[in-house]
Amino acid sequence: FDPERVTVDAGATVEWVNESDVGHTVTASADAIP
């Protein structure tokens, strides 16, 4: 993921764009979110 870390304000949207030739997922680590 590029960048690997981002900082945003509450209410902001993050968009992941797959620029790769293979499929990827975006999956929260349930034990590592508020």
PDB file of all heavy atoms in Angstrom:
ATOM      1  N   PHE A   1       0.877  -1.162   0.000  1.00  0.00           N
ATOM      2  CA  PHE A   1       0.000   0.000   0.000  1.00  0.00           C
ATOM      3  C   PHE A   1       0.917   1.216   0.000  1.00  0.00           C
ATOM      4  O   PHE A   1       1.879   1.275   0.776  1.00  0.00           O
ATOM      5  CB  PHE A   1      -0.877   0.021   1.261  1.00  0.00           C
ATOM      6  CG  PHE A   1      -1.884  -1.090   1.317  1.00  0.00           C
ATOM      7  CD1 PHE A   1      -1.717  -2.153   2.193  1.00  0.00           C
ATOM      8  CD2 PHE A   1      -3.017  -1.072   0.514  1.00  0.00           C
ATOM      9  CE1 PHE A   1      -2.648  -3.174   2.267  1.00  0.00           C
ATOM     10  CE2 PHE A   1      -3.956  -2.090   0.577  1.00  0.00           C
ATOM     11  CZ  PHE A   1      -3.769  -3.151   1.455  1.00  0.00           C
ATOM     12  N   ASP A   2       0.650   2.172  -0.875  1.00  0.00           N
ATOM     13  CA  ASP A   2       1.508   3.344  -0.994  1.00  0.00           C
ATOM     14  C   ASP A   2       0.661   4.615  -0.953  1.00  0.00           C
ATOM     15  O   ASP A   2      -0.122   4.834  -1.885  1.00  0.00           O
ATOM     16  CB  ASP A   2       2.293   3.271  -2.307  1.00  0.00           C
ATOM     17  CG  ASP A   2       3.239   4.458  -2.483  1.00  0.00           C
ATOM     18  OD1 ASP A   2       3.684   5.013  -1.454  1.00  0.00           O
ATOM     19  OD2 ASP A   2       3.515   4.825  -3.640  1.00  0.00           O
ATOM     20  N   PRO A   3       0.786   5.408   0.112  1.00  0.00           N
ATOM     21  CA  PRO A   3       1.656   5.215   1.256  1.00  0.00           C
ATOM     22  C   PRO A   3       1.116   4.140   2.203  1.00  0.00           C
ATOM     23  O   PRO A   3      -0.077   3.862   2.222  1.00  0.00           O
ATOM     24  CB  PRO A   3       1.674   6.591   1.936  1.00  0.00           C
ATOM     25  CG  PRO A   3       0.373   7.215   1.556  1.00  0.00           C
ATOM     26  CD  PRO A   3       0.037   6.678   0.189  1.00  0.00           C
ATOM     27  N   GLU A   4       2.024   3.585   2.971  1.00  0.00           N
ATOM     28  CA  GLU A   4       1.653   2.540   3.926  1.00  0.00           C
ATOM     29  C   GLU A   4       0.857   3.112   5.094  1.00  0.00           C
ATOM     30  O   GLU A   4      -0.022   2.443   5.642  1.00  0.00           O
ATOM     31  CB  GLU A   4       2.913   1.847   4.444  1.00  0.00           C
ATOM     32  CG  GLU A   4       2.644   0.673   5.351  1.00  0.00           C
ATOM     33  CD  GLU A   4       3.912  -0.032   5.771  1.00  0.00           C
ATOM     34  OE1 GLU A   4       4.798  -0.264   4.925  1.00  0.00           O
ATOM     35  OE2 GLU A   4       4.013  -0.351   6.973  1.00  0.00           O
ATOM     36  N   ARG A   5       1.179   4.342   5.477  1.00  0.00           N
ATOM     37  CA  ARG A   5       0.484   5.011   6.592  1.00  0.00           C
ATOM     38  C   ARG A   5      -0.037   6.361   6.133  1.00  0.00           C
ATOM     39  O   ARG A   5       0.690   7.108   5.472  1.00  0.00           O
ATOM     40  CB  ARG A   5       1.448   5.222   7.755  1.00  0.00           C
ATOM     41  CG  ARG A   5       1.897   3.954   8.412  1.00  0.00           C
ATOM     42  CD  ARG A   5       2.924   4.251   9.520  1.00  0.00           C
ATOM     43  NE  ARG A   5       3.231   3.083  10.286  1.00  0.00           N
ATOM     44  CZ  ARG A   5       4.049   2.117   9.908  1.00  0.00           C
ATOM     45  NH1 ARG A   5       4.641   2.198   8.727  1.00  0.00           N
ATOM     46  NH2 ARG A   5       4.285   1.071  10.675  1.00  0.00           N
ATOM     47  N   VAL A   6      -1.285   6.653   6.495  1.00  0.00           N
ATOM     48  CA  VAL A   6      -1.859   7.966   6.209  1.00  0.00           C
ATOM     49  C   VAL A   6      -2.500   8.501   7.470  1.00  0.00           C
ATOM     50  O   VAL A   6      -2.908   7.742   8.358  1.00  0.00           O
ATOM     51  CB  VAL A   6      -2.891   7.937   5.048  1.00  0.00           C
ATOM     52  CG1 VAL A   6      -2.237   7.539   3.742  1.00  0.00           C
ATOM     53  CG2 VAL A   6      -4.053   7.033   5.358  1.00  0.00           C
ATOM     54  N   THR A   7      -2.599   9.821   7.540  1.00  0.00           N
ATOM     55  CA  THR A   7      -3.273  10.491   8.651  1.00  0.00           C
ATOM     56  C   THR A   7      -4.342  11.397   8.057  1.00  0.00           C
ATOM     57  O   THR A   7      -4.075  12.152   7.119  1.00  0.00           O
ATOM     58  CB  THR A   7      -2.271  11.338   9.473  1.00  0.00           C
ATOM     59  OG1 THR A   7      -1.260  10.462   9.991  1.00  0.00           O
ATOM     60  CG2 THR A   7      -2.966  12.044  10.621  1.00  0.00           C
ATOM     61  N   VAL A   8      -5.564  11.277   8.596  1.00  0.00           N
ATOM     62  CA  VAL A   8      -6.692  12.064   8.107  1.00  0.00           C
ATOM     63  C   VAL A   8      -7.482  12.596   9.301  1.00  0.00           C
ATOM     64  O   VAL A   8      -7.325  12.125  10.427  1.00  0.00           O
ATOM     65  CB  VAL A   8      -7.624  11.224   7.196  1.00  0.00           C
ATOM     66  CG1 VAL A   8      -6.883  10.737   5.955  1.00  0.00           C
ATOM     67  CG2 VAL A   8      -8.242  10.063   7.944  1.00  0.00           C
ATOM     68  N   ASP A   9      -8.338  13.551   9.040  1.00  0.00           N
ATOM     69  CA  ASP A   9      -9.246  14.064  10.060  1.00  0.00           C
ATOM     70  C   ASP A   9     -10.486  13.187  10.129  1.00  0.00           C
ATOM     71  O   ASP A   9     -10.869  12.558   9.143  1.00  0.00           O
ATOM     72  CB  ASP A   9      -9.662  15.501   9.733  1.00  0.00           C
ATOM     73  CG  ASP A   9      -8.507  16.477   9.846  1.00  0.00           C
ATOM     74  OD1 ASP A   9      -7.634  16.280  10.723  1.00  0.00           O
ATOM     75  OD2 ASP A   9      -8.466  17.435   9.052  1.00  0.00           O
ATOM     76  N   ALA A  10     -11.131  13.159  11.292  1.00  0.00           N
ATOM     77  CA  ALA A  10     -12.382  12.419  11.438  1.00  0.00           C
ATOM     78  C   ALA A  10     -13.373  12.908  10.388  1.00  0.00           C
ATOM     79  O   ALA A  10     -13.475  14.103  10.120  1.00  0.00           O
ATOM     80  CB  ALA A  10     -12.949  12.595  12.840  1.00  0.00           C
ATOM     81  N   GLY A  11     -14.084  11.988   9.768  1.00  0.00           N
ATOM     82  CA  GLY A  11     -15.039  12.313   8.713  1.00  0.00           C
ATOM     83  C   GLY A  11     -14.442  12.255   7.315  1.00  0.00           C
ATOM     84  O   GLY A  11     -15.164  12.390   6.330  1.00  0.00           O
ATOM     85  N   ALA A  12     -13.135  12.034   7.220  1.00  0.00           N
ATOM     86  CA  ALA A  12     -12.470  11.977   5.908  1.00  0.00           C
ATOM     87  C   ALA A  12     -12.620  10.592   5.281  1.00  0.00           C
ATOM     88  O   ALA A  12     -12.774   9.591   5.969  1.00  0.00           O
ATOM     89  CB  ALA A  12     -10.992  12.315   6.050  1.00  0.00           C
ATOM     90  N   THR A  13     -12.538  10.571   3.967  1.00  0.00           N
ATOM     91  CA  THR A  13     -12.616   9.332   3.206  1.00  0.00           C
ATOM     92  C   THR A  13     -11.236   8.977   2.681  1.00  0.00           C
ATOM     93  O   THR A  13     -10.507   9.831   2.191  1.00  0.00           O
ATOM     94  CB  THR A  13     -13.599   9.488   2.030  1.00  0.00           C
ATOM     95  OG1 THR A  13     -14.893   9.779   2.559  1.00  0.00           O
ATOM     96  CG2 THR A  13     -13.668   8.227   1.178  1.00  0.00           C
ATOM     97  N   VAL A  14     -10.904   7.692   2.791  1.00  0.00           N
ATOM     98  CA  VAL A  14      -9.683   7.168   2.184  1.00  0.00           C
ATOM     99  C   VAL A  14     -10.128   6.277   1.031  1.00  0.00           C
ATOM    100  O   VAL A  14     -11.063   5.491   1.172  1.00  0.00           O
ATOM    101  CB  VAL A  14      -8.835   6.365   3.190  1.00  0.00           C
ATOM    102  CG1 VAL A  14      -7.638   5.718   2.508  1.00  0.00           C
ATOM    103  CG2 VAL A  14      -8.379   7.264   4.340  1.00  0.00           C
ATOM    104  N   GLU A  15      -9.472   6.433  -0.104  1.00  0.00           N
ATOM    105  CA  GLU A  15      -9.789   5.644  -1.284  1.00  0.00           C
ATOM    106  C   GLU A  15      -8.555   4.844  -1.684  1.00  0.00           C
ATOM    107  O   GLU A  15      -7.488   5.412  -1.885  1.00  0.00           O
ATOM    108  CB  GLU A  15     -10.222   6.552  -2.431  1.00  0.00           C
ATOM    109  CG  GLU A  15     -10.588   5.796  -3.684  1.00  0.00           C
ATOM    110  CD  GLU A  15     -11.093   6.717  -4.769  1.00  0.00           C
ATOM    111  OE1 GLU A  15     -10.289   7.528  -5.275  1.00  0.00           O
ATOM    112  OE2 GLU A  15     -12.288   6.635  -5.084  1.00  0.00           O
ATOM    113  N   TRP A  16      -8.721   3.532  -1.780  1.00  0.00           N
ATOM    114  CA  TRP A  16      -7.666   2.651  -2.229  1.00  0.00           C
ATOM    115  C   TRP A  16      -7.877   2.381  -3.713  1.00  0.00           C
ATOM    116  O   TRP A  16      -8.970   2.009  -4.125  1.00  0.00           O
ATOM    117  CB  TRP A  16      -7.688   1.337  -1.452  1.00  0.00           C
ATOM    118  CG  TRP A  16      -7.256   1.477  -0.025  1.00  0.00           C
ATOM    119  CD1 TRP A  16      -6.002   1.277   0.475  1.00  0.00           C
ATOM    120  CD2 TRP A  16      -8.069   1.839   1.099  1.00  0.00           C
ATOM    121  NE1 TRP A  16      -6.000   1.490   1.830  1.00  0.00           N
ATOM    122  CE2 TRP A  16      -7.255   1.841   2.242  1.00  0.00           C
ATOM    123  CE3 TRP A  16      -9.430   2.170   1.241  1.00  0.00           C
ATOM    124  CZ2 TRP A  16      -7.736   2.150   3.503  1.00  0.00           C
ATOM    125  CZ3 TRP A  16      -9.906   2.484   2.507  1.00  0.00           C
ATOM    126  CH2 TRP A  16      -9.063   2.469   3.616  1.00  0.00           C
ATOM    127  N   VAL A  17      -6.828   2.567  -4.511  1.00  0.00           N
ATOM    128  CA  VAL A  17      -6.891   2.388  -5.958  1.00  0.00           C
ATOM    129  C   VAL A  17      -5.926   1.260  -6.326  1.00  0.00           C
ATOM    130  O   VAL A  17      -4.743   1.326  -6.004  1.00  0.00           O
ATOM    131  CB  VAL A  17      -6.487   3.687  -6.695  1.00  0.00           C
ATOM    132  CG1 VAL A  17      -6.529   3.478  -8.198  1.00  0.00           C
ATOM    133  CG2 VAL A  17      -7.374   4.834  -6.276  1.00  0.00           C
ATOM    134  N   ASN A  18      -6.445   0.236  -6.988  1.00  0.00           N
ATOM    135  CA  ASN A  18      -5.602  -0.885  -7.381  1.00  0.00           C
ATOM    136  C   ASN A  18      -4.909  -0.563  -8.699  1.00  0.00           C
ATOM    137  O   ASN A  18      -5.505  -0.633  -9.760  1.00  0.00           O
ATOM    138  CB  ASN A  18      -6.409  -2.176  -7.499  1.00  0.00           C
ATOM    139  CG  ASN A  18      -5.505  -3.366  -7.725  1.00  0.00           C
ATOM    140  OD1 ASN A  18      -4.303  -3.224  -7.938  1.00  0.00           O
ATOM    141  ND2 ASN A  18      -6.074  -4.549  -7.687  1.00  0.00           N
ATOM    142  N   GLU A  19      -3.617  -0.220  -8.597  1.00  0.00           N
ATOM    143  CA  GLU A  19      -2.805   0.066  -9.776  1.00  0.00           C
ATOM    144  C   GLU A  19      -1.963  -1.147 -10.164  1.00  0.00           C
ATOM    145  O   GLU A  19      -1.047  -1.042 -10.961  1.00  0.00           O
ATOM    146  CB  GLU A  19      -1.922   1.284  -9.507  1.00  0.00           C
ATOM    147  CG  GLU A  19      -2.730   2.548  -9.312  1.00  0.00           C
ATOM    148  CD  GLU A  19      -1.876   3.771  -9.071  1.00  0.00           C
ATOM    149  OE1 GLU A  19      -0.634   3.650  -8.966  1.00  0.00           O
ATOM    150  OE2 GLU A  19      -2.451   4.866  -8.981  1.00  0.00           O
ATOM    151  N   SER A  20      -2.301  -2.284  -9.603  1.00  0.00           N
ATOM    152  CA  SER A  20      -1.575  -3.529  -9.823  1.00  0.00           C
ATOM    153  C   SER A  20      -2.282  -4.365 -10.875  1.00  0.00           C
ATOM    154  O   SER A  20      -3.429  -4.113 -11.229  1.00  0.00           O
ATOM    155  CB  SER A  20      -1.521  -4.275  -8.484  1.00  0.00           C
ATOM    156  OG  SER A  20      -1.004  -5.562  -8.630  1.00  0.00           O
ATOM    157  N   ASP A  21      -1.610  -5.402 -11.334  1.00  0.00           N
ATOM    158  CA  ASP A  21      -2.217  -6.333 -12.284  1.00  0.00           C
ATOM    159  C   ASP A  21      -2.957  -7.469 -11.588  1.00  0.00           C
ATOM    160  O   ASP A  21      -3.574  -8.292 -12.253  1.00  0.00           O
ATOM    161  CB  ASP A  21      -1.139  -6.931 -13.205  1.00  0.00           C
ATOM    162  CG  ASP A  21      -0.580  -5.892 -14.164  1.00  0.00           C
ATOM    163  OD1 ASP A  21      -1.323  -4.956 -14.525  1.00  0.00           O
ATOM    164  OD2 ASP A  21       0.597  -6.010 -14.543  1.00  0.00           O
ATOM    165  N   VAL A  22      -2.873  -7.539 -10.263  1.00  0.00           N
ATOM    166  CA  VAL A  22      -3.533  -8.603  -9.504  1.00  0.00           C
ATOM    167  C   VAL A  22      -4.544  -7.998  -8.536  1.00  0.00           C
ATOM    168  O   VAL A  22      -4.453  -6.824  -8.184  1.00  0.00           O
ATOM    169  CB  VAL A  22      -2.517  -9.480  -8.733  1.00  0.00           C
ATOM    170  CG1 VAL A  22      -1.554 -10.162  -9.683  1.00  0.00           C
ATOM    171  CG2 VAL A  22      -1.763  -8.659  -7.702  1.00  0.00           C
ATOM    172  N   GLY A  23      -5.499  -8.819  -8.105  1.00  0.00           N
ATOM    173  CA  GLY A  23      -6.498  -8.359  -7.146  1.00  0.00           C
ATOM    174  C   GLY A  23      -5.927  -8.239  -5.745  1.00  0.00           C
ATOM    175  O   GLY A  23      -5.026  -8.990  -5.360  1.00  0.00           O
ATOM    176  N   HIS A  24      -6.450  -7.283  -5.001  1.00  0.00           N
ATOM    177  CA  HIS A  24      -6.060  -7.061  -3.610  1.00  0.00           C
ATOM    178  C   HIS A  24      -7.314  -6.838  -2.781  1.00  0.00           C
ATOM    179  O   HIS A  24      -8.365  -6.463  -3.321  1.00  0.00           O
ATOM    180  CB  HIS A  24      -5.174  -5.815  -3.475  1.00  0.00           C
ATOM    181  CG  HIS A  24      -3.866  -5.915  -4.180  1.00  0.00           C
ATOM    182  ND1 HIS A  24      -2.854  -6.752  -3.764  1.00  0.00           N
ATOM    183  CD2 HIS A  24      -3.397  -5.278  -5.281  1.00  0.00           C
ATOM    184  CE1 HIS A  24      -1.811  -6.627  -4.566  1.00  0.00           C
ATOM    185  NE2 HIS A  24      -2.118  -5.732  -5.509  1.00  0.00           N
ATOM    186  N   THR A  25      -7.203  -7.039  -1.480  1.00  0.00           N
ATOM    187  CA  THR A  25      -8.286  -6.670  -0.577  1.00  0.00           C
ATOM    188  C   THR A  25      -7.819  -5.567   0.344  1.00  0.00           C
ATOM    189  O   THR A  25      -6.622  -5.341   0.516  1.00  0.00           O
ATOM    190  CB  THR A  25      -8.775  -7.847   0.294  1.00  0.00           C
ATOM    191  OG1 THR A  25      -7.775  -8.159   1.280  1.00  0.00           O
ATOM    192  CG2 THR A  25      -9.121  -9.066  -0.534  1.00  0.00           C
ATOM    193  N   VAL A  26      -8.781  -4.882   0.926  1.00  0.00           N
ATOM    194  CA  VAL A  26      -8.533  -3.932   2.008  1.00  0.00           C
ATOM    195  C   VAL A  26      -9.374  -4.463   3.162  1.00  0.00           C
ATOM    196  O   VAL A  26     -10.603  -4.453   3.097  1.00  0.00           O
ATOM    197  CB  VAL A  26      -8.975  -2.503   1.623  1.00  0.00           C
ATOM    198  CG1 VAL A  26      -8.783  -1.554   2.795  1.00  0.00           C
ATOM    199  CG2 VAL A  26      -8.237  -2.012   0.388  1.00  0.00           C
ATOM    200  N   THR A  27      -8.713  -4.983   4.191  1.00  0.00           N
ATOM    201  CA  THR A  27      -9.409  -5.662   5.283  1.00  0.00           C
ATOM    202  C   THR A  27      -8.902  -5.148   6.619  1.00  0.00           C
ATOM    203  O   THR A  27      -7.706  -5.252   6.911  1.00  0.00           O
ATOM    204  CB  THR A  27      -9.178  -7.189   5.203  1.00  0.00           C
ATOM    205  OG1 THR A  27      -9.480  -7.638   3.879  1.00  0.00           O
ATOM    206  CG2 THR A  27     -10.033  -7.923   6.206  1.00  0.00           C
ATOM    207  N   ALA A  28      -9.798  -4.604   7.425  1.00  0.00           N
ATOM    208  CA  ALA A  28      -9.411  -4.114   8.744  1.00  0.00           C
ATOM    209  C   ALA A  28      -8.994  -5.278   9.632  1.00  0.00           C
ATOM    210  O   ALA A  28      -9.562  -6.368   9.552  1.00  0.00           O
ATOM    211  CB  ALA A  28     -10.582  -3.368   9.391  1.00  0.00           C
ATOM    212  N   SER A  29      -8.004  -5.047  10.476  1.00  0.00           N
ATOM    213  CA  SER A  29      -7.652  -6.003  11.524  1.00  0.00           C
ATOM    214  C   SER A  29      -8.583  -5.712  12.683  1.00  0.00           C
ATOM    215  O   SER A  29      -8.423  -4.694  13.365  1.00  0.00           O
ATOM    216  CB  SER A  29      -6.195  -5.817  11.961  1.00  0.00           C
ATOM    217  OG  SER A  29      -5.320  -6.073  10.897  1.00  0.00           O
ATOM    218  N   ALA A  30      -9.563  -6.561  12.894  1.00  0.00           N
ATOM    219  CA  ALA A  30     -10.626  -6.286  13.869  1.00  0.00           C
ATOM    220  C   ALA A  30     -10.089  -5.962  15.257  1.00  0.00           C
ATOM    221  O   ALA A  30     -10.671  -5.146  15.973  1.00  0.00           O
ATOM    222  CB  ALA A  30     -11.595  -7.463  13.932  1.00  0.00           C
ATOM    223  N   ASP A  31      -8.977  -6.562  15.640  1.00  0.00           N
ATOM    224  CA  ASP A  31      -8.422  -6.294  16.968  1.00  0.00           C
ATOM    225  C   ASP A  31      -7.458  -5.107  16.970  1.00  0.00           C
ATOM    226  O   ASP A  31      -6.832  -4.818  17.983  1.00  0.00           O
ATOM    227  CB  ASP A  31      -7.747  -7.539  17.533  1.00  0.00           C
ATOM    228  CG  ASP A  31      -6.597  -8.040  16.677  1.00  0.00           C
ATOM    229  OD1 ASP A  31      -6.430  -7.565  15.539  1.00  0.00           O
ATOM    230  OD2 ASP A  31      -5.852  -8.917  17.154  1.00  0.00           O
ATOM    231  N   ALA A  32      -7.342  -4.408  15.839  1.00  0.00           N
ATOM    232  CA  ALA A  32      -6.425  -3.274  15.742  1.00  0.00           C
ATOM    233  C   ALA A  32      -7.112  -2.047  15.149  1.00  0.00           C
ATOM    234  O   ALA A  32      -6.528  -1.295  14.370  1.00  0.00           O
ATOM    235  CB  ALA A  32      -5.203  -3.659  14.914  1.00  0.00           C
ATOM    236  N   ILE A  33      -8.394  -1.868  15.513  1.00  0.00           N
ATOM    237  CA  ILE A  33      -9.128  -0.642  15.189  1.00  0.00           C
ATOM    238  C   ILE A  33      -9.769  -0.170  16.489  1.00  0.00           C
ATOM    239  O   ILE A  33      -9.930  -0.968  17.425  1.00  0.00           O
ATOM    240  CB  ILE A  33     -10.187  -0.844  14.076  1.00  0.00           C
ATOM    241  CG1 ILE A  33     -11.285  -1.827  14.493  1.00  0.00           C
ATOM    242  CG2 ILE A  33      -9.519  -1.303  12.776  1.00  0.00           C
ATOM    243  CD1 ILE A  33     -12.423  -1.956  13.481  1.00  0.00           C
ATOM    244  N   PRO A  34     -10.130   1.107  16.595  1.00  0.00           N
ATOM    245  CA  PRO A  34     -10.756   1.593  17.830  1.00  0.00           C
ATOM    246  C   PRO A  34     -12.001   0.767  18.190  1.00  0.00           C
ATOM    247  O   PRO A  34     -12.758   0.345  17.314  1.00  0.00           O
ATOM    248  CB  PRO A  34     -11.123   3.044  17.494  1.00  0.00           C
ATOM    249  CG  PRO A  34     -10.140   3.432  16.426  1.00  0.00           C
ATOM    250  CD  PRO A  34      -9.935   2.179  15.618  1.00  0.00           C
TER     251      PRO A  34
END
